[in-house]
Structure formats: structure tokens, C-alpha cells
């Protein structure tokens, strides 16, 4: 069955500001009753996370959701600060778009296998970010240089940033909540990654 997650990634916050912004947003989520201020063993990948608060149902769309997600052991929110490659879990990236021309570069072949030649330069971007390097790649379609955080990955498979909020095994987050979340992040560009482990 696996575990489902949704991560809101701030791709613009600096490494210096990520901790303070994380605290501000966590405090807002707690005071709004969306998450509990206490931390428990309710997330994957970290020792402790924030379990759902009394108003957690108000920010998700549970229509058509048959599972009682509130009763699951893994149903909390985890906050990640620090330089991170956030990804969609299972599967592979299928395409990436240039932010200058919105031209999409296919990364898979007709059999939906990763095309090694097309993927190679982007693999350097991904690995570079996780290793602490900014690999500036020139777009294959327009030749303009692109910062690692500016690429737009198909199905939001990847996001590079210093701050992410992961909600485990919850129904889809409501668009209005994501909008308010983005506002609380100072209007920074965010990426919503939905994936499964």
C-alpha cells in the first residue's frame, strides 16, 4: 500500500532565513489548530513530527477519501530545513521545462524508460544540489543559463530548497490552504510535491 505524502517546498527562502520562517509557519499552523504543537512519533524520515490538530480536516479535501486518515500512525507533519532535494518518491522524472521559454525537455523514451542522454545534464543538477553545489545548466532549447531552483519539473517531481513541510497520509490539501501557506512564506514561489513511498 505505501505511505502518501504532500510536501510544500519554499524554493526561494535562503538557507539563513529557513529556520526562522519554519518557526513562524509552524507557530501559525499550531495556533490555527491545523497541527499540534507537541511532537510525537507520527512521521517517516524523522524521529518526531507534529500530529494533526483539531482543525486539520478543514485544510484537506476528503471527498472520496475512504480511509480514516486521522487514525493512521503516520499522519503528522514534518519540517525539513537545510539544503534538500525534495522528490516525489516512487517513479522517475519524466520531463523538465525551461523557465525562460517554458519549453519542455522529455527525459523518458517511448517505453517510459529514463533516457540516459537527456537525463545526464539534469542528473548533475540534482546531485550537485544535494552535494552543496549550484549546477547552472544552459537550457538545451534556448541556451540561457538556468539556476537549479528555477527548473519546472513535470508533475512537480523535484524541488530544490532549504525549507519544506511534509504532510503524511492526508487527503489532498485544499488550494485555499496552499495559497494561505504561500502567503505565510512571504509570497515565495512554492512547489507542491505529492508522492508515495
N, C-alpha and C. Protein backbone atom coordinates (compact mmCIF):
# COMPACT_ATOMS: atom_id res chain seq x y z
N UNK A 1 0.83 -1.19 0.00
CA UNK A 1 0.00 0.00 0.00
C UNK A 1 0.87 1.25 0.00
N UNK A 2 1.82 1.36 0.91
CA UNK A 2 2.71 2.51 0.91
C UNK A 2 2.17 3.68 1.70
N UNK A 3 3.01 4.69 1.82
CA UNK A 3 2.64 5.91 2.52
C UNK A 3 2.63 7.08 1.55
N UNK A 4 1.61 7.88 1.62
CA UNK A 4 1.38 9.01 0.73
C UNK A 4 1.83 10.28 1.45
N UNK A 5 2.44 11.21 0.72
CA UNK A 5 2.86 12.46 1.35
C UNK A 5 2.65 13.64 0.40
N UNK A 6 2.52 14.80 0.98
CA UNK A 6 2.44 16.06 0.25
C UNK A 6 3.43 17.02 0.91
N UNK A 7 4.32 17.59 0.11
CA UNK A 7 5.33 18.49 0.64
C UNK A 7 5.21 19.85 -0.02
N UNK A 8 5.05 20.88 0.80
CA UNK A 8 5.08 22.26 0.30
C UNK A 8 6.52 22.74 0.48
N UNK A 9 7.17 23.04 -0.65
CA UNK A 9 8.57 23.45 -0.65
C UNK A 9 8.67 24.93 -1.00
N UNK A 10 9.37 25.67 -0.17
CA UNK A 10 9.69 27.07 -0.45
C UNK A 10 11.00 27.06 -1.23
N UNK A 11 10.96 27.40 -2.52
CA UNK A 11 12.16 27.32 -3.34
C UNK A 11 12.91 28.65 -3.39
N UNK A 12 12.45 29.64 -2.62
CA UNK A 12 13.12 30.94 -2.64
C UNK A 12 13.75 31.35 -1.31
N UNK A 13 13.33 30.77 -0.21
CA UNK A 13 13.88 31.18 1.08
C UNK A 13 15.37 30.83 1.14
N UNK A 14 16.16 31.71 1.73
CA UNK A 14 17.59 31.48 1.84
C UNK A 14 17.89 30.48 2.95
N UNK A 15 19.07 29.92 2.90
CA UNK A 15 19.47 28.98 3.96
C UNK A 15 19.53 29.69 5.31
N UNK A 16 19.90 30.98 5.30
CA UNK A 16 19.99 31.75 6.54
C UNK A 16 18.62 32.02 7.15
N UNK A 17 17.59 32.18 6.33
CA UNK A 17 16.26 32.53 6.82
C UNK A 17 15.34 31.33 7.03
N UNK A 18 15.74 30.16 6.54
CA UNK A 18 14.84 29.00 6.55
C UNK A 18 14.37 28.63 7.96
N UNK A 19 15.25 28.64 8.94
CA UNK A 19 14.88 28.25 10.30
C UNK A 19 13.86 29.18 10.91
N UNK A 20 14.06 30.49 10.75
CA UNK A 20 13.12 31.47 11.31
C UNK A 20 11.77 31.38 10.63
N UNK A 21 11.77 31.21 9.31
CA UNK A 21 10.50 31.10 8.57
C UNK A 21 9.78 29.81 8.98
N UNK A 22 10.52 28.73 9.15
CA UNK A 22 9.92 27.46 9.59
C UNK A 22 9.22 27.63 10.93
N UNK A 23 9.85 28.33 11.85
CA UNK A 23 9.26 28.56 13.17
C UNK A 23 7.99 29.39 13.07
N UNK A 24 8.02 30.45 12.27
CA UNK A 24 6.83 31.30 12.10
C UNK A 24 5.66 30.51 11.54
N UNK A 25 5.92 29.73 10.50
CA UNK A 25 4.84 28.97 9.87
C UNK A 25 4.35 27.86 10.80
N UNK A 26 5.26 27.19 11.49
CA UNK A 26 4.86 26.16 12.46
C UNK A 26 3.97 26.75 13.54
N UNK A 27 4.33 27.93 14.05
CA UNK A 27 3.53 28.57 15.08
C UNK A 27 2.15 28.95 14.57
N UNK A 28 2.06 29.41 13.31
CA UNK A 28 0.76 29.71 12.72
C UNK A 28 -0.08 28.44 12.59
N UNK A 29 0.51 27.36 12.07
CA UNK A 29 -0.23 26.11 11.92
C UNK A 29 -0.73 25.59 13.26
N UNK A 30 0.08 25.72 14.28
CA UNK A 30 -0.29 25.27 15.62
C UNK A 30 -1.40 26.14 16.20
N UNK A 31 -1.26 27.46 16.12
CA UNK A 31 -2.29 28.35 16.68
C UNK A 31 -3.60 28.24 15.93
N UNK A 32 -3.54 27.88 14.65
CA UNK A 32 -4.76 27.71 13.85
C UNK A 32 -5.40 26.33 14.07
N UNK A 33 -4.74 25.45 14.81
CA UNK A 33 -5.30 24.13 15.10
C UNK A 33 -5.11 23.13 13.97
N UNK A 34 -4.23 23.45 13.02
CA UNK A 34 -4.01 22.54 11.89
C UNK A 34 -3.06 21.42 12.29
N UNK A 35 -2.07 21.76 13.11
CA UNK A 35 -1.19 20.74 13.68
C UNK A 35 -1.10 20.98 15.18
N UNK A 36 -0.69 19.96 15.88
CA UNK A 36 -0.47 20.08 17.32
C UNK A 36 0.92 20.66 17.56
N UNK A 37 1.06 21.41 18.64
CA UNK A 37 2.38 21.96 18.97
C UNK A 37 3.30 20.89 19.53
N UNK A 38 2.71 19.83 20.12
CA UNK A 38 3.54 18.75 20.64
C UNK A 38 4.12 17.95 19.48
N UNK A 39 5.20 17.26 19.73
CA UNK A 39 5.82 16.42 18.71
C UNK A 39 5.77 14.98 19.17
N UNK A 40 5.38 14.10 18.23
CA UNK A 40 5.26 12.68 18.54
C UNK A 40 5.87 11.87 17.40
N UNK A 41 5.87 10.57 17.57
CA UNK A 41 6.37 9.66 16.53
C UNK A 41 5.24 9.44 15.52
N UNK A 42 5.08 10.37 14.57
CA UNK A 42 3.93 10.31 13.65
C UNK A 42 4.33 10.60 12.20
N UNK A 43 5.64 10.58 11.89
CA UNK A 43 6.11 10.86 10.54
C UNK A 43 7.18 9.84 10.16
N UNK A 44 7.49 9.79 8.87
CA UNK A 44 8.59 8.95 8.40
C UNK A 44 9.78 9.85 8.08
N UNK A 45 10.98 9.34 8.27
CA UNK A 45 12.18 10.08 7.93
C UNK A 45 12.71 10.97 9.03
N UNK A 46 11.97 11.17 10.10
CA UNK A 46 12.40 11.96 11.26
C UNK A 46 11.94 11.24 12.51
N UNK A 47 12.58 11.56 13.62
CA UNK A 47 12.17 10.93 14.88
C UNK A 47 10.78 11.41 15.33
N UNK A 48 10.53 12.72 15.20
CA UNK A 48 9.28 13.30 15.70
C UNK A 48 8.70 14.26 14.69
N UNK A 49 7.37 14.36 14.71
CA UNK A 49 6.65 15.31 13.86
C UNK A 49 5.46 15.86 14.62
N UNK A 50 4.72 16.73 13.97
CA UNK A 50 3.55 17.35 14.59
C UNK A 50 2.28 16.61 14.16
N UNK A 51 1.56 15.99 15.10
CA UNK A 51 0.33 15.29 14.74
C UNK A 51 -0.76 16.28 14.33
N UNK A 52 -1.83 15.78 13.71
CA UNK A 52 -2.91 16.67 13.29
C UNK A 52 -3.52 17.40 14.49
N UNK A 53 -3.90 18.65 14.26
CA UNK A 53 -4.60 19.43 15.26
C UNK A 53 -6.10 19.27 15.11
N UNK A 54 -6.89 19.91 15.97
CA UNK A 54 -8.35 19.74 15.94
C UNK A 54 -9.02 20.28 14.68
N UNK A 55 -8.33 21.15 13.93
CA UNK A 55 -8.92 21.71 12.71
C UNK A 55 -8.23 21.19 11.44
N UNK A 56 -7.50 20.09 11.55
CA UNK A 56 -6.76 19.55 10.41
C UNK A 56 -7.67 19.18 9.25
N UNK A 57 -8.88 18.72 9.54
CA UNK A 57 -9.82 18.33 8.48
C UNK A 57 -10.22 19.51 7.59
N UNK A 58 -10.12 20.73 8.11
CA UNK A 58 -10.58 21.90 7.37
C UNK A 58 -9.66 22.28 6.20
N UNK A 59 -8.44 21.77 6.19
CA UNK A 59 -7.50 22.17 5.14
C UNK A 59 -7.25 21.06 4.12
N UNK A 60 -8.01 19.97 4.21
CA UNK A 60 -7.89 18.88 3.25
C UNK A 60 -9.23 18.63 2.58
N UNK A 61 -9.18 18.03 1.39
CA UNK A 61 -10.39 17.66 0.66
C UNK A 61 -10.55 16.16 0.78
N UNK A 62 -11.37 15.73 1.73
CA UNK A 62 -11.55 14.30 1.99
C UNK A 62 -12.68 13.68 1.18
N UNK A 63 -13.26 14.43 0.24
CA UNK A 63 -14.34 13.86 -0.57
C UNK A 63 -13.77 12.69 -1.38
N UNK A 64 -14.42 11.55 -1.29
CA UNK A 64 -13.94 10.36 -1.98
C UNK A 64 -12.80 9.66 -1.27
N UNK A 65 -12.46 10.12 -0.09
CA UNK A 65 -11.37 9.52 0.69
C UNK A 65 -11.99 8.55 1.68
N UNK A 66 -11.77 7.26 1.48
CA UNK A 66 -12.45 6.27 2.30
C UNK A 66 -11.70 5.94 3.59
N UNK A 67 -10.40 6.15 3.61
CA UNK A 67 -9.62 5.77 4.79
C UNK A 67 -9.74 6.83 5.89
N UNK A 68 -9.90 6.41 7.15
CA UNK A 68 -9.89 7.36 8.26
C UNK A 68 -8.44 7.77 8.58
N UNK A 69 -7.95 8.75 7.86
CA UNK A 69 -6.53 9.12 7.94
C UNK A 69 -6.10 9.57 9.33
N UNK A 70 -7.03 10.10 10.12
CA UNK A 70 -6.67 10.58 11.46
C UNK A 70 -6.22 9.44 12.37
N UNK A 71 -6.63 8.21 12.06
CA UNK A 71 -6.29 7.06 12.90
C UNK A 71 -4.98 6.39 12.51
N UNK A 72 -4.37 6.84 11.42
CA UNK A 72 -3.13 6.23 10.98
C UNK A 72 -1.98 6.64 11.89
N UNK A 73 -1.02 5.75 12.07
CA UNK A 73 0.14 6.07 12.89
C UNK A 73 0.95 7.19 12.23
N UNK A 74 1.16 7.10 10.92
CA UNK A 74 1.92 8.11 10.18
C UNK A 74 0.94 9.09 9.57
N UNK A 75 0.64 10.18 10.29
CA UNK A 75 -0.32 11.17 9.78
C UNK A 75 0.10 12.60 10.16
N UNK A 76 1.34 12.78 10.58
CA UNK A 76 1.79 14.08 11.07
C UNK A 76 2.42 14.95 10.00
N UNK A 77 2.97 16.07 10.46
CA UNK A 77 3.68 17.00 9.59
C UNK A 77 5.14 17.07 10.05
N UNK A 78 6.02 17.01 9.08
CA UNK A 78 7.45 17.10 9.34
C UNK A 78 7.98 18.36 8.67
N UNK A 79 8.90 19.04 9.31
CA UNK A 79 9.51 20.23 8.74
C UNK A 79 10.98 19.92 8.46
N UNK A 80 11.40 20.17 7.22
CA UNK A 80 12.78 19.97 6.82
C UNK A 80 13.42 21.32 6.54
N UNK A 81 14.52 21.61 7.23
CA UNK A 81 15.29 22.81 6.92
C UNK A 81 16.68 22.37 6.50
N UNK A 82 17.29 23.16 5.65
CA UNK A 82 18.61 22.82 5.12
C UNK A 82 18.50 22.46 3.65
N UNK A 83 19.59 22.55 2.97
CA UNK A 83 19.64 22.31 1.53
C UNK A 83 19.18 20.89 1.22
N UNK A 84 18.08 20.76 0.49
CA UNK A 84 17.45 19.46 0.27
C UNK A 84 16.94 19.34 -1.16
N UNK A 85 17.08 18.15 -1.72
CA UNK A 85 16.39 17.80 -2.95
C UNK A 85 15.11 17.09 -2.52
N UNK A 86 13.98 17.74 -2.70
CA UNK A 86 12.69 17.13 -2.39
C UNK A 86 12.22 16.41 -3.65
N UNK A 87 11.71 15.18 -3.48
CA UNK A 87 11.28 14.43 -4.67
C UNK A 87 9.97 13.71 -4.41
N UNK A 88 9.41 13.20 -5.50
CA UNK A 88 8.11 12.56 -5.46
C UNK A 88 8.11 11.11 -5.03
N UNK A 89 9.25 10.58 -4.59
CA UNK A 89 9.27 9.20 -4.11
C UNK A 89 9.37 8.20 -5.24
N UNK A 90 8.32 7.44 -5.46
CA UNK A 90 8.33 6.39 -6.47
C UNK A 90 8.38 6.98 -7.88
N UNK A 91 8.95 6.22 -8.80
CA UNK A 91 8.97 6.63 -10.20
C UNK A 91 10.20 7.44 -10.54
N UNK A 92 10.18 8.02 -11.73
CA UNK A 92 11.29 8.80 -12.26
C UNK A 92 10.74 10.13 -12.80
N UNK A 93 11.59 11.14 -12.90
CA UNK A 93 11.15 12.38 -13.55
C UNK A 93 10.92 12.11 -15.04
N UNK A 94 9.84 12.64 -15.59
CA UNK A 94 9.52 12.38 -17.00
C UNK A 94 9.90 13.53 -17.92
N UNK A 95 9.90 14.75 -17.41
CA UNK A 95 10.22 15.91 -18.23
C UNK A 95 10.54 17.09 -17.33
N UNK A 96 11.18 18.09 -17.91
CA UNK A 96 11.51 19.31 -17.18
C UNK A 96 11.34 20.47 -18.16
N UNK A 97 10.89 21.62 -17.64
CA UNK A 97 10.64 22.78 -18.50
C UNK A 97 11.57 23.92 -18.16
N UNK A 98 11.99 24.62 -19.20
CA UNK A 98 12.82 25.81 -19.04
C UNK A 98 11.94 26.95 -18.54
N UNK A 99 12.37 27.69 -17.53
CA UNK A 99 11.55 28.79 -17.01
C UNK A 99 11.50 29.99 -17.95
N UNK A 100 12.45 30.09 -18.88
CA UNK A 100 12.50 31.23 -19.80
C UNK A 100 11.53 31.09 -20.96
N UNK A 101 11.46 29.88 -21.51
CA UNK A 101 10.61 29.67 -22.68
C UNK A 101 9.50 28.66 -22.42
N UNK A 102 9.49 28.06 -21.26
CA UNK A 102 8.51 27.02 -20.91
C UNK A 102 8.57 25.85 -21.89
N UNK A 103 9.70 25.71 -22.58
CA UNK A 103 9.87 24.58 -23.48
C UNK A 103 10.16 23.34 -22.65
N UNK A 104 9.45 22.26 -22.93
CA UNK A 104 9.60 21.04 -22.14
C UNK A 104 10.63 20.12 -22.77
N UNK A 105 11.49 19.56 -21.94
CA UNK A 105 12.51 18.63 -22.37
C UNK A 105 12.12 17.25 -21.85
N UNK A 106 11.88 16.33 -22.76
CA UNK A 106 11.49 14.97 -22.39
C UNK A 106 12.70 14.24 -21.81
N UNK A 107 12.48 13.53 -20.72
CA UNK A 107 13.56 12.78 -20.07
C UNK A 107 13.37 11.27 -20.17
N UNK A 108 12.27 10.84 -20.81
CA UNK A 108 12.00 9.41 -20.96
C UNK A 108 11.79 9.10 -22.45
N UNK A 109 12.00 7.83 -22.78
CA UNK A 109 11.80 7.40 -24.17
C UNK A 109 10.37 6.89 -24.36
N UNK A 110 10.11 6.30 -25.53
CA UNK A 110 8.75 5.82 -25.84
C UNK A 110 8.26 4.74 -24.88
N UNK A 111 9.19 4.02 -24.27
CA UNK A 111 8.83 2.96 -23.32
C UNK A 111 8.78 3.48 -21.89
N UNK A 112 8.84 4.82 -21.72
CA UNK A 112 8.83 5.48 -20.42
C UNK A 112 10.02 5.07 -19.55
N UNK A 113 11.13 4.75 -20.21
CA UNK A 113 12.39 4.50 -19.52
C UNK A 113 13.19 5.78 -19.55
N UNK A 114 13.94 6.05 -18.50
CA UNK A 114 14.77 7.24 -18.44
C UNK A 114 15.77 7.24 -19.59
N UNK A 115 15.77 8.31 -20.38
CA UNK A 115 16.70 8.48 -21.49
C UNK A 115 18.02 8.98 -20.91
N UNK A 116 19.04 8.13 -20.91
CA UNK A 116 20.32 8.45 -20.26
C UNK A 116 20.95 9.72 -20.80
N UNK A 117 20.88 9.93 -22.11
CA UNK A 117 21.50 11.12 -22.70
C UNK A 117 20.77 12.40 -22.30
N UNK A 118 19.44 12.36 -22.33
CA UNK A 118 18.65 13.55 -21.94
C UNK A 118 18.76 13.82 -20.44
N UNK A 119 18.85 12.75 -19.64
CA UNK A 119 18.85 12.87 -18.19
C UNK A 119 20.21 13.32 -17.64
N UNK A 120 21.30 12.98 -18.31
CA UNK A 120 22.65 13.19 -17.78
C UNK A 120 22.91 14.61 -17.27
N UNK A 121 22.62 15.68 -18.04
CA UNK A 121 22.91 17.02 -17.50
C UNK A 121 22.02 17.38 -16.31
N UNK A 122 20.80 16.89 -16.30
CA UNK A 122 19.89 17.19 -15.19
C UNK A 122 20.24 16.38 -13.94
N UNK A 123 20.81 15.20 -14.17
CA UNK A 123 21.30 14.40 -13.04
C UNK A 123 22.40 15.18 -12.32
N UNK A 124 23.24 15.89 -13.08
CA UNK A 124 24.28 16.71 -12.46
C UNK A 124 23.67 17.83 -11.63
N UNK A 125 22.56 18.40 -12.11
CA UNK A 125 21.88 19.47 -11.36
C UNK A 125 21.36 18.91 -10.03
N UNK A 126 20.70 17.75 -10.08
CA UNK A 126 20.13 17.14 -8.88
C UNK A 126 21.22 16.76 -7.89
N UNK A 127 22.23 16.04 -8.37
CA UNK A 127 23.30 15.61 -7.46
C UNK A 127 24.11 16.79 -6.96
N UNK A 128 24.31 17.78 -7.82
CA UNK A 128 25.04 18.97 -7.39
C UNK A 128 24.35 19.66 -6.23
N UNK A 129 23.02 19.80 -6.31
CA UNK A 129 22.28 20.47 -5.23
C UNK A 129 22.44 19.70 -3.93
N UNK A 130 22.30 18.38 -4.00
CA UNK A 130 22.40 17.58 -2.77
C UNK A 130 23.82 17.59 -2.20
N UNK A 131 24.80 17.88 -3.04
CA UNK A 131 26.19 17.94 -2.59
C UNK A 131 26.62 19.35 -2.21
N UNK A 132 25.71 20.32 -2.30
CA UNK A 132 26.03 21.69 -1.92
C UNK A 132 26.55 22.57 -3.05
N UNK A 133 26.38 22.11 -4.29
CA UNK A 133 26.83 22.89 -5.44
C UNK A 133 25.64 23.35 -6.26
N UNK A 134 25.72 24.56 -6.80
CA UNK A 134 24.70 25.06 -7.72
C UNK A 134 25.17 24.81 -9.14
N UNK A 135 24.63 23.78 -9.78
CA UNK A 135 24.99 23.47 -11.16
C UNK A 135 24.08 24.30 -12.07
N UNK A 136 24.66 25.31 -12.70
CA UNK A 136 23.91 26.18 -13.62
C UNK A 136 23.99 25.53 -14.99
N UNK A 137 22.86 25.08 -15.48
CA UNK A 137 22.79 24.39 -16.76
C UNK A 137 22.20 25.32 -17.81
N UNK A 138 22.78 25.36 -18.98
CA UNK A 138 22.19 26.12 -20.08
C UNK A 138 21.05 25.29 -20.66
N UNK A 139 19.92 25.92 -20.88
CA UNK A 139 18.76 25.23 -21.41
C UNK A 139 19.07 24.67 -22.80
N UNK A 140 18.77 23.40 -23.06
CA UNK A 140 19.02 22.82 -24.38
C UNK A 140 18.19 23.45 -25.50
N UNK A 141 17.11 24.14 -25.15
CA UNK A 141 16.25 24.73 -26.19
C UNK A 141 16.53 26.20 -26.47
N UNK A 142 16.96 26.96 -25.45
CA UNK A 142 17.17 28.40 -25.67
C UNK A 142 18.58 28.86 -25.31
N UNK A 143 19.38 27.98 -24.76
CA UNK A 143 20.78 28.24 -24.41
C UNK A 143 20.97 29.24 -23.28
N UNK A 144 19.90 29.67 -22.61
CA UNK A 144 20.04 30.59 -21.49
C UNK A 144 20.36 29.80 -20.23
N UNK A 145 21.20 30.36 -19.34
CA UNK A 145 21.53 29.65 -18.10
C UNK A 145 20.33 29.61 -17.15
N UNK A 146 20.19 28.48 -16.45
CA UNK A 146 19.07 28.28 -15.53
C UNK A 146 19.60 27.85 -14.17
N UNK A 147 19.18 28.57 -13.12
CA UNK A 147 19.53 28.21 -11.75
C UNK A 147 18.84 26.90 -11.39
N UNK A 148 19.41 26.10 -10.49
CA UNK A 148 18.81 24.81 -10.13
C UNK A 148 17.36 24.93 -9.64
N UNK A 149 17.05 25.96 -8.84
CA UNK A 149 15.71 26.08 -8.28
C UNK A 149 14.67 26.57 -9.28
N UNK A 150 15.11 27.01 -10.47
CA UNK A 150 14.19 27.59 -11.44
C UNK A 150 13.57 26.57 -12.40
N UNK A 151 14.20 25.41 -12.57
CA UNK A 151 13.63 24.39 -13.46
C UNK A 151 12.24 23.99 -12.97
N UNK A 152 11.34 23.73 -13.89
CA UNK A 152 9.98 23.30 -13.54
C UNK A 152 9.82 21.84 -13.98
N UNK A 153 9.78 20.97 -12.99
CA UNK A 153 9.74 19.53 -13.25
C UNK A 153 8.32 19.06 -13.48
N UNK A 154 8.13 18.22 -14.50
CA UNK A 154 6.80 17.66 -14.79
C UNK A 154 6.27 16.96 -13.54
N UNK A 155 5.00 17.15 -13.30
CA UNK A 155 4.33 16.57 -12.13
C UNK A 155 5.01 16.98 -10.83
N UNK A 156 5.74 18.12 -10.87
CA UNK A 156 6.46 18.61 -9.68
C UNK A 156 7.22 17.48 -9.01
N UNK A 157 7.99 16.74 -9.82
CA UNK A 157 8.72 15.59 -9.28
C UNK A 157 9.86 16.00 -8.36
N UNK A 158 10.56 17.08 -8.71
CA UNK A 158 11.65 17.59 -7.89
C UNK A 158 11.39 19.03 -7.49
N UNK A 159 11.93 19.42 -6.35
CA UNK A 159 12.03 20.83 -5.96
C UNK A 159 13.29 20.95 -5.12
N UNK A 160 14.04 22.00 -5.35
CA UNK A 160 15.27 22.25 -4.60
C UNK A 160 15.03 23.42 -3.68
N UNK A 161 15.33 23.26 -2.42
CA UNK A 161 15.12 24.36 -1.49
C UNK A 161 15.75 24.10 -0.14
N UNK A 162 15.54 25.05 0.76
CA UNK A 162 16.07 24.97 2.12
C UNK A 162 14.97 24.79 3.16
N UNK A 163 13.70 24.66 2.69
CA UNK A 163 12.59 24.54 3.62
C UNK A 163 11.43 23.80 2.99
N UNK A 164 10.96 22.76 3.67
CA UNK A 164 9.81 22.00 3.19
C UNK A 164 8.96 21.51 4.34
N UNK A 165 7.66 21.46 4.11
CA UNK A 165 6.69 20.99 5.11
C UNK A 165 5.98 19.78 4.52
N UNK A 166 6.20 18.61 5.12
CA UNK A 166 5.64 17.37 4.59
C UNK A 166 4.48 16.90 5.46
N UNK A 167 3.33 16.70 4.82
CA UNK A 167 2.12 16.20 5.47
C UNK A 167 1.95 14.75 5.05
N UNK A 168 1.89 13.85 6.03
CA UNK A 168 1.85 12.41 5.76
C UNK A 168 0.44 11.85 5.79
N UNK A 169 0.13 11.06 4.75
CA UNK A 169 -1.10 10.25 4.67
C UNK A 169 -2.38 11.05 4.93
N UNK A 170 -2.44 12.24 4.36
CA UNK A 170 -3.64 13.06 4.47
C UNK A 170 -4.30 13.18 3.11
N UNK A 171 -5.61 13.43 3.08
CA UNK A 171 -6.25 13.73 1.80
C UNK A 171 -5.59 14.96 1.16
N UNK A 172 -5.87 15.21 -0.11
CA UNK A 172 -5.24 16.35 -0.79
C UNK A 172 -5.48 17.67 -0.05
N UNK A 173 -4.41 18.45 0.05
CA UNK A 173 -4.51 19.77 0.67
C UNK A 173 -5.37 20.68 -0.21
N UNK A 174 -6.21 21.49 0.42
CA UNK A 174 -7.10 22.39 -0.32
C UNK A 174 -6.29 23.54 -0.95
N UNK A 175 -6.64 23.95 -2.17
CA UNK A 175 -5.94 25.06 -2.82
C UNK A 175 -5.91 26.34 -1.99
N UNK A 176 -7.00 26.66 -1.30
CA UNK A 176 -7.03 27.85 -0.46
C UNK A 176 -6.02 27.78 0.67
N UNK A 177 -5.83 26.60 1.23
CA UNK A 177 -4.84 26.41 2.28
C UNK A 177 -3.43 26.60 1.71
N UNK A 178 -3.18 26.05 0.54
CA UNK A 178 -1.86 26.20 -0.08
C UNK A 178 -1.59 27.67 -0.39
N UNK A 179 -2.62 28.39 -0.84
CA UNK A 179 -2.47 29.83 -1.09
C UNK A 179 -2.10 30.58 0.19
N UNK A 180 -2.80 30.27 1.28
CA UNK A 180 -2.51 30.93 2.55
C UNK A 180 -1.12 30.53 3.05
N UNK A 181 -0.76 29.30 2.85
CA UNK A 181 0.56 28.81 3.23
C UNK A 181 1.64 29.62 2.50
N UNK A 182 1.44 29.80 1.20
CA UNK A 182 2.40 30.57 0.39
C UNK A 182 2.48 32.01 0.88
N UNK A 183 1.35 32.59 1.24
CA UNK A 183 1.35 33.95 1.77
C UNK A 183 2.16 34.00 3.06
N UNK A 184 2.00 33.01 3.92
CA UNK A 184 2.73 32.96 5.18
C UNK A 184 4.23 32.77 4.97
N UNK A 185 4.60 32.24 3.82
CA UNK A 185 6.01 32.09 3.47
C UNK A 185 6.56 33.35 2.81
N UNK A 186 5.84 34.44 2.92
CA UNK A 186 6.31 35.71 2.35
C UNK A 186 6.04 35.84 0.87
N UNK A 187 5.12 35.04 0.35
CA UNK A 187 4.80 35.10 -1.07
C UNK A 187 5.86 34.45 -1.95
N UNK A 188 6.76 33.69 -1.34
CA UNK A 188 7.79 32.99 -2.11
C UNK A 188 7.15 31.98 -3.06
N UNK A 189 7.88 31.65 -4.13
CA UNK A 189 7.40 30.61 -5.03
C UNK A 189 7.48 29.28 -4.30
N UNK A 190 6.41 28.53 -4.35
CA UNK A 190 6.37 27.22 -3.70
C UNK A 190 6.09 26.15 -4.75
N UNK A 191 6.46 24.94 -4.42
CA UNK A 191 6.17 23.77 -5.23
C UNK A 191 5.49 22.76 -4.32
N UNK A 192 4.38 22.20 -4.77
CA UNK A 192 3.70 21.14 -4.03
C UNK A 192 4.07 19.81 -4.64
N UNK A 193 4.78 19.00 -3.89
CA UNK A 193 5.15 17.67 -4.35
C UNK A 193 4.23 16.67 -3.68
N UNK A 194 3.57 15.86 -4.48
CA UNK A 194 2.72 14.79 -3.95
C UNK A 194 3.36 13.48 -4.39
N UNK A 195 3.59 12.60 -3.45
CA UNK A 195 4.25 11.36 -3.81
C UNK A 195 3.90 10.22 -2.88
N UNK A 196 4.56 9.11 -3.12
CA UNK A 196 4.29 7.89 -2.35
C UNK A 196 5.59 7.14 -2.15
N UNK A 197 5.73 6.54 -0.99
CA UNK A 197 6.89 5.69 -0.71
C UNK A 197 6.47 4.23 -0.74
